[in-house]
N, C-alpha and C. Protein backbone atom coordinates (compact mmCIF):
# COMPACT_ATOMS: atom_id res chain seq x y z
N MET A 1 76.97 160.44 163.77
CA MET A 1 77.94 160.89 164.30
C MET A 1 78.89 160.61 164.83
N MET A 2 78.23 159.86 166.36
CA MET A 2 78.82 159.29 167.66
C MET A 2 80.35 158.36 166.91
N ASN A 3 79.19 156.92 165.88
CA ASN A 3 79.98 156.00 166.05
C ASN A 3 81.36 156.43 164.82
N ASP A 4 81.43 157.51 164.22
CA ASP A 4 82.58 157.96 163.49
C ASP A 4 83.72 157.81 164.47
N MET A 5 83.62 158.80 165.70
CA MET A 5 84.33 158.31 166.61
C MET A 5 85.00 157.21 167.94
N MET A 6 83.70 156.16 167.48
CA MET A 6 83.97 155.18 168.25
C MET A 6 85.54 154.37 167.81
N PRO A 7 86.44 154.10 168.30
CA PRO A 7 87.86 153.21 168.60
C PRO A 7 87.80 151.76 167.52
N THR A 8 87.65 151.28 166.80
CA THR A 8 87.97 150.12 166.11
C THR A 8 88.65 148.82 167.56
N ILE A 9 88.41 147.68 166.92
CA ILE A 9 89.23 146.49 167.46
C ILE A 9 90.34 146.84 167.50
N GLU A 10 90.93 146.85 166.25
CA GLU A 10 92.54 147.42 165.73
C GLU A 10 93.16 148.42 166.85
N GLU A 11 92.44 148.92 166.75
CA GLU A 11 92.50 150.57 167.61
C GLU A 11 92.99 150.38 168.77
N THR A 12 91.85 149.16 169.91
CA THR A 12 91.85 149.28 171.19
C THR A 12 92.54 148.01 171.93
N ILE A 13 93.01 147.05 171.04
CA ILE A 13 93.48 145.71 171.16
C ILE A 13 95.07 145.96 171.70
N THR A 14 94.91 145.29 172.86
CA THR A 14 96.25 145.43 173.32
C THR A 14 97.28 143.86 172.81
N PRO A 15 98.63 144.44 173.29
CA PRO A 15 99.30 142.80 172.83
C PRO A 15 99.10 141.49 173.54
N ASP A 16 98.69 141.66 174.68
CA ASP A 16 98.22 140.83 176.05
C ASP A 16 96.94 140.35 175.47
N ILE A 17 95.82 140.81 174.78
CA ILE A 17 94.60 140.10 174.32
C ILE A 17 94.58 139.67 173.22
N THR A 18 95.78 139.87 172.40
CA THR A 18 95.94 139.18 170.71
C THR A 18 96.68 137.84 171.38
N ALA A 19 97.78 138.22 172.31
CA ALA A 19 98.50 136.70 172.64
C ALA A 19 97.10 135.76 173.15
N GLN A 20 95.91 136.15 173.98
CA GLN A 20 95.33 135.38 174.63
C GLN A 20 94.11 135.17 173.10
N ILE A 21 93.73 135.38 172.50
CA ILE A 21 93.40 135.26 171.64
C ILE A 21 94.00 133.97 170.15
N GLU A 22 95.48 134.23 170.62
CA GLU A 22 96.09 133.05 169.66
C GLU A 22 96.27 132.01 170.54
N HIS A 23 96.20 132.34 171.91
CA HIS A 23 96.48 130.69 172.79
C HIS A 23 94.99 130.33 172.70
N GLU A 24 94.24 130.58 172.61
CA GLU A 24 92.95 130.27 172.46
C GLU A 24 92.53 129.24 171.46
N GLU A 25 93.17 130.35 170.41
CA GLU A 25 92.88 129.03 168.65
C GLU A 25 94.02 128.06 168.92
N TRP A 26 94.93 128.28 169.42
CA TRP A 26 95.96 126.95 169.11
C TRP A 26 95.37 125.62 169.86
N GLN A 27 94.68 126.55 171.65
CA GLN A 27 93.80 124.88 172.14
C GLN A 27 93.13 124.81 171.72
N ARG A 28 91.74 125.47 170.60
CA ARG A 28 90.95 124.42 169.80
C ARG A 28 91.27 123.97 168.54
N VAL A 29 92.51 123.66 168.09
CA VAL A 29 93.25 123.66 167.13
C VAL A 29 93.76 122.14 167.54
N LEU A 30 94.56 122.52 169.00
CA LEU A 30 94.75 120.93 169.48
C LEU A 30 93.44 120.08 169.71
N LEU A 31 92.61 121.03 170.60
CA LEU A 31 91.47 119.63 170.91
C LEU A 31 90.95 118.86 170.16
N LYS A 32 90.65 119.58 168.63
CA LYS A 32 90.44 118.95 167.40
C LYS A 32 91.35 117.93 166.78
N TRP A 33 92.86 118.13 167.25
CA TRP A 33 93.36 117.39 166.35
C TRP A 33 93.63 116.06 167.12
N GLU A 34 93.22 116.11 168.64
CA GLU A 34 92.87 115.21 169.59
C GLU A 34 92.04 114.05 169.72
N GLN A 35 90.76 114.78 169.84
CA GLN A 35 89.51 114.23 169.25
C GLN A 35 89.99 113.37 167.66
N ARG A 36 90.23 113.76 166.61
CA ARG A 36 90.42 113.04 165.60
C ARG A 36 91.14 112.08 165.90
N GLU A 37 92.21 111.95 166.21
CA GLU A 37 93.43 111.47 166.59
C GLU A 37 92.87 109.90 167.25
N ARG A 38 91.78 110.14 168.30
CA ARG A 38 91.08 109.58 169.14
C ARG A 38 90.26 108.84 167.95
N TRP A 39 89.48 109.03 167.78
CA TRP A 39 88.08 108.56 166.48
C TRP A 39 89.24 107.72 164.95
N GLU A 40 90.30 108.05 164.90
CA GLU A 40 91.07 107.22 164.15
C GLU A 40 91.46 105.90 164.60
N VAL A 41 91.52 105.47 165.84
CA VAL A 41 91.47 104.37 166.82
C VAL A 41 91.01 103.93 166.97
N VAL A 42 89.72 104.55 167.37
CA VAL A 42 88.02 104.25 167.56
C VAL A 42 87.58 102.99 166.48
N GLU A 43 87.97 103.62 164.92
CA GLU A 43 87.50 102.74 163.70
C GLU A 43 88.23 101.90 163.71
N ALA A 44 89.64 101.85 163.66
CA ALA A 44 90.94 100.93 163.32
C ALA A 44 90.45 100.26 164.29
N LEU A 45 89.94 100.05 165.52
CA LEU A 45 89.62 98.71 166.14
C LEU A 45 88.08 98.28 165.98
N HIS A 46 87.27 99.28 165.63
CA HIS A 46 85.52 98.40 165.46
C HIS A 46 85.69 99.00 163.97
N GLY A 47 86.05 99.65 163.42
CA GLY A 47 85.24 99.86 162.03
C GLY A 47 84.52 101.34 162.02
N PRO A 48 84.33 101.56 160.44
CA PRO A 48 83.84 103.02 160.66
C PRO A 48 82.37 102.43 161.46
N LEU A 49 81.65 103.84 161.83
CA LEU A 49 80.67 104.05 162.46
C LEU A 49 79.12 103.43 161.98
N LEU A 50 79.14 103.74 160.47
CA LEU A 50 78.39 103.72 159.10
C LEU A 50 79.18 103.89 157.82
N THR A 51 78.72 102.64 157.12
CA THR A 51 79.51 102.69 155.84
C THR A 51 78.64 104.13 154.73
N ALA A 52 79.38 104.61 154.26
CA ALA A 52 79.00 105.30 153.14
C ALA A 52 77.75 105.31 152.81
N ALA A 53 77.60 104.03 152.64
CA ALA A 53 75.78 104.43 151.95
C ALA A 53 74.64 104.30 153.12
N GLU A 54 75.21 103.78 154.32
CA GLU A 54 74.58 104.08 155.30
C GLU A 54 74.52 105.37 155.84
N TRP A 55 75.73 106.20 155.61
CA TRP A 55 75.73 107.18 155.90
C TRP A 55 74.82 108.69 154.96
N GLU A 56 74.91 108.42 153.92
CA GLU A 56 73.99 108.82 153.09
C GLU A 56 72.50 108.74 153.06
N GLN A 57 72.21 107.47 153.57
CA GLN A 57 70.77 107.28 153.67
C GLN A 57 70.53 108.10 154.77
N HIS A 58 71.11 108.53 155.92
CA HIS A 58 70.89 109.25 156.78
C HIS A 58 70.59 110.44 156.66
N THR A 59 71.68 110.86 155.99
CA THR A 59 71.39 112.27 155.68
C THR A 59 70.52 112.56 154.77
N ILE A 60 69.98 111.58 153.96
CA ILE A 60 68.65 111.89 153.31
C ILE A 60 67.62 112.19 154.60
N ASP A 61 67.48 111.09 155.16
CA ASP A 61 66.62 110.72 156.38
C ASP A 61 66.40 112.04 157.22
N GLN A 62 67.50 112.37 157.21
CA GLN A 62 67.59 113.88 158.20
C GLN A 62 67.08 114.96 157.45
N ASN A 63 67.53 115.05 156.14
CA ASN A 63 67.37 116.30 155.69
C ASN A 63 65.66 116.25 155.21
N ALA A 64 64.93 115.20 155.24
CA ALA A 64 63.46 114.94 155.12
C ALA A 64 63.16 115.64 155.86
N TRP A 65 63.18 115.26 157.53
CA TRP A 65 63.08 115.60 158.80
C TRP A 65 62.87 117.05 158.66
N PHE A 66 64.31 117.28 158.59
CA PHE A 66 63.73 119.14 158.85
C PHE A 66 62.79 119.91 157.75
N ASP A 67 62.95 119.02 156.57
CA ASP A 67 62.07 119.62 155.50
C ASP A 67 60.73 119.67 156.25
N GLU A 68 60.43 118.38 156.56
CA GLU A 68 59.10 118.80 157.21
C GLU A 68 58.74 119.20 158.46
N GLY A 69 59.37 120.12 158.92
CA GLY A 69 59.36 121.22 159.97
C GLY A 69 59.07 120.48 160.86
N ILE A 70 59.53 119.47 161.37
CA ILE A 70 59.69 118.80 162.60
C ILE A 70 60.67 119.32 163.76
N CYS A 71 61.33 120.12 163.37
CA CYS A 71 62.22 120.69 164.08
C CYS A 71 62.37 122.79 164.26
N LYS A 72 61.09 123.02 163.38
CA LYS A 72 60.72 124.14 163.45
C LYS A 72 59.94 124.78 165.04
């Protein structure tokens, strides 16, 4: 019965908290964009880290490793 009386996030959030959340989300988006942009420059200079075939083999090996329970 007590939970019915508890306010929800929407009822308690203030405009400054909303602005802070939006600002932090925007910073995360910018960081991801900058990281992707830097990685594109590195690949342009040195080529891809792995070819598609090498990446596929790595994924298969890693999944087998997890399936064996090594990381459990």
